[in-house]
C-alpha atoms as a PDB file:
ATOM      1  CA  MET A   1      -7.262   7.299 -21.348  1.00  0.00           C
ATOM      2  CA  THR A   2      -4.877  10.249 -21.214  1.00  0.00           C
ATOM      3  CA  SER A   3      -6.990  12.447 -23.494  1.00  0.00           C
ATOM      4  CA  ALA A   4      -9.908  13.260 -21.223  1.00  0.00           C
ATOM      5  CA  ASN A   5     -12.292  16.117 -21.896  1.00  0.00           C
ATOM      6  CA  PRO A   6     -14.692  17.632 -19.319  1.00  0.00           C
ATOM      7  CA  THR A   7     -17.654  15.748 -20.809  1.00  0.00           C
ATOM      8  CA  SER A   8     -15.986  12.365 -20.356  1.00  0.00           C
ATOM      9  CA  ILE A   9     -14.928  13.328 -16.805  1.00  0.00           C
ATOM     10  CA  ARG A  10     -18.549  14.212 -15.927  1.00  0.00           C
ATOM     11  CA  ARG A  11     -19.780  10.978 -17.502  1.00  0.00           C
ATOM     12  CA  PHE A  12     -17.155   8.942 -15.636  1.00  0.00           C
ATOM     13  CA  THR A  13     -18.055  10.695 -12.361  1.00  0.00           C
ATOM     14  CA  SER A  14     -21.733   9.818 -12.831  1.00  0.00           C
ATOM     15  CA  LEU A  15     -20.887   6.187 -13.678  1.00  0.00           C
ATOM     16  CA  LEU A  16     -18.831   5.928 -10.484  1.00  0.00           C
ATOM     17  CA  ALA A  17     -21.643   7.556  -8.480  1.00  0.00           C
ATOM     18  CA  GLU A  18     -24.096   4.959  -9.820  1.00  0.00           C
ATOM     19  CA  ARG A  19     -21.867   2.334  -8.223  1.00  0.00           C
ATOM     20  CA  GLY A  20     -21.639   4.137  -4.879  1.00  0.00           C
ATOM     21  CA  ILE A  21     -18.252   5.783  -5.429  1.00  0.00           C
ATOM     22  CA  GLU A  22     -18.313   9.517  -4.682  1.00  0.00           C
ATOM     23  CA  LEU A  23     -15.234  11.241  -6.135  1.00  0.00           C
ATOM     24  CA  SER A  24     -14.763  14.886  -7.031  1.00  0.00           C
ATOM     25  CA  SER A  25     -14.217  15.867 -10.647  1.00  0.00           C
ATOM     26  CA  VAL A  26     -10.568  16.627  -9.819  1.00  0.00           C
ATOM     27  CA  GLN A  27     -10.089  13.148  -8.336  1.00  0.00           C
ATOM     28  CA  VAL A  28     -11.677  11.537 -11.391  1.00  0.00           C
ATOM     29  CA  TRP A  29      -9.534  13.691 -13.706  1.00  0.00           C
ATOM     30  CA  ARG A  30      -6.375  12.539 -11.861  1.00  0.00           C
ATOM     31  CA  LEU A  31      -7.576   8.941 -11.994  1.00  0.00           C
ATOM     32  CA  VAL A  32      -8.155   9.188 -15.756  1.00  0.00           C
ATOM     33  CA  THR A  33      -5.079  11.193 -16.764  1.00  0.00           C
ATOM     34  CA  GLN A  34      -2.404   9.997 -14.315  1.00  0.00           C
ATOM     35  CA  THR A  35      -1.198   6.761 -12.760  1.00  0.00           C
ATOM     36  CA  PRO A  36      -2.644   6.597  -9.221  1.00  0.00           C
ATOM     37  CA  GLU A  37      -0.300   5.807  -6.343  1.00  0.00           C
ATOM     38  CA  ARG A  38      -3.097   4.254  -4.279  1.00  0.00           C
ATOM     39  CA  LEU A  39      -6.463   2.842  -5.226  1.00  0.00           C
ATOM     40  CA  SER A  40      -9.113   1.396  -2.941  1.00  0.00           C
ATOM     41  CA  LEU A  41     -10.698  -1.933  -3.776  1.00  0.00           C
ATOM     42  CA  PRO A  42     -14.226  -0.489  -4.166  1.00  0.00           C
ATOM     43  CA  VAL A  43     -12.916   2.044  -6.713  1.00  0.00           C
ATOM     44  CA  LEU A  44     -11.015  -0.708  -8.525  1.00  0.00           C
ATOM     45  CA  ALA A  45     -14.140  -2.870  -8.621  1.00  0.00           C
ATOM     46  CA  ALA A  46     -16.201   0.042  -9.969  1.00  0.00           C
ATOM     47  CA  LEU A  47     -13.593   0.792 -12.640  1.00  0.00           C
ATOM     48  CA  CYS A  48     -13.532  -2.845 -13.713  1.00  0.00           C
ATOM     49  CA  ASP A  49     -17.329  -2.860 -13.928  1.00  0.00           C
ATOM     50  CA  ILE A  50     -17.482   0.391 -15.912  1.00  0.00           C
ATOM     51  CA  LEU A  51     -14.746  -0.589 -18.350  1.00  0.00           C
ATOM     52  CA  ASP A  52     -15.795  -4.271 -18.478  1.00  0.00           C
ATOM     53  CA  VAL A  53     -12.264  -5.491 -17.709  1.00  0.00           C
ATOM     54  CA  THR A  54     -10.515  -7.462 -14.977  1.00  0.00           C
ATOM     55  CA  PRO A  55      -8.043  -6.005 -12.437  1.00  0.00           C
ATOM     56  CA  THR A  56      -5.167  -7.645 -14.311  1.00  0.00           C
ATOM     57  CA  ASP A  57      -6.099  -5.574 -17.355  1.00  0.00           C
ATOM     58  CA  LEU A  58      -5.764  -2.356 -15.337  1.00  0.00           C
ATOM     59  CA  ILE A  59      -2.807  -3.104 -13.065  1.00  0.00           C
ATOM     60  CA  ALA A  60       0.659  -3.807 -14.422  1.00  0.00           C
ATOM     61  CA  THR A  61       2.797  -5.942 -12.121  1.00  0.00           C
ATOM     62  CA  ARG A  62       6.469  -6.787 -12.156  1.00  0.00           C
ATOM     63  CA  ALA A  63       8.547  -9.201 -10.156  1.00  0.00           C
ATOM     64  CA  GLU A  64      11.837  -8.162  -8.636  1.00  0.00           C
ATOM     65  CA  ASN A  65      14.646 -10.337  -7.349  1.00  0.00           C
ATOM     66  CA  VAL A  66      15.118  -9.782  -3.647  1.00  0.00           C
ATOM     67  CA  ALA A  67      18.147 -10.973  -1.712  1.00  0.00           C
ATOM     68  CA  PRO A  68      17.234 -13.556   0.939  1.00  0.00           C
ATOM     69  CA  ARG A  69      17.182 -12.244   4.496  1.00  0.00           C
ATOM     70  CA  ARG A  70      19.726 -13.481   6.985  1.00  0.00           C
ATOM     71  CA  THR A  71      18.370 -15.110  10.112  1.00  0.00           C
ATOM     72  CA  ALA A  72      19.981 -15.895  13.442  1.00  0.00           C
ATOM     73  CA  ALA A  73      19.833 -19.598  12.633  1.00  0.00           C
ATOM     74  CA  SER A  74      22.157 -19.078   9.666  1.00  0.00           C
ATOM     75  CA  GLY A  75      25.174 -19.081  11.998  1.00  0.00           C
ATOM     76  CA  GLY A  76      26.217 -15.442  11.692  1.00  0.00           C
ATOM     77  CA  ALA A  77      29.305 -14.728  13.815  1.00  0.00           C
ATOM     78  CA  ASP A  78      28.352 -11.083  14.348  1.00  0.00           C
ATOM     79  CA  ILE A  79      25.152 -11.896  16.255  1.00  0.00           C
ATOM     80  CA  VAL A  80      25.379 -11.118  19.983  1.00  0.00           C
ATOM     81  CA  ASP A  81      23.294 -13.013  22.528  1.00  0.00           C
ATOM     82  CA  LEU A  82      22.173 -10.216  24.854  1.00  0.00           C
ATOM     83  CA  ALA A  83      20.910 -12.655  27.494  1.00  0.00           C
ATOM     84  CA  ASN A  84      24.495 -13.788  28.153  1.00  0.00           C
ATOM     85  CA  THR A  85      26.371 -10.503  27.690  1.00  0.00           C
ATOM     86  CA  ILE A  86      24.232  -7.814  29.336  1.00  0.00           C
ATOM     87  CA  ARG A  87      23.026  -8.530  32.849  1.00  0.00           C
ATOM     88  CA  PRO A  88      21.183  -5.987  34.993  1.00  0.00           C
ATOM     89  CA  LYS A  89      22.683  -5.057  38.349  1.00  0.00           C
ATOM     90  CA  ARG A  90      20.709  -6.082  41.411  1.00  0.00           C
ATOM     91  CA  ALA A  91      19.199  -3.123  43.209  1.00  0.00           C
ATOM     92  CA  ARG A  92      19.977  -2.729  46.897  1.00  0.00           C
ATOM     93  CA  ILE A  93      17.230  -1.181  48.936  1.00  0.00           C
ATOM     94  CA  THR A  94      18.317   0.159  52.283  1.00  0.00           C
ATOM     95  CA  PRO A  95      15.993   1.586  54.918  1.00  0.00           C
ATOM     96  CA  ASP A  96      16.278   5.284  55.718  1.00  0.00           C
ATOM     97  CA  SER A  97      17.853   5.879  59.119  1.00  0.00           C
END
């Protein structure tokens, strides 16, 4: 949908408005011509209804390998137990003389 003319933008804006989505013509133009960074679920639902597609048809996903996170239970030697190493000093309150 990268080739959008003003007529199609107006038509798309009216189709969204019929479904309760109020966007400016600039917002609709950006939605049609660019890849949005964020998209609310009501707008996604309206787009799917207008285009007669499912969200998986509109959204491309990719899986990435992520390194597992280290936890304290994994036996890391560089983990310091603050309860045993840092102790607060007891305050001494003395009456004013």
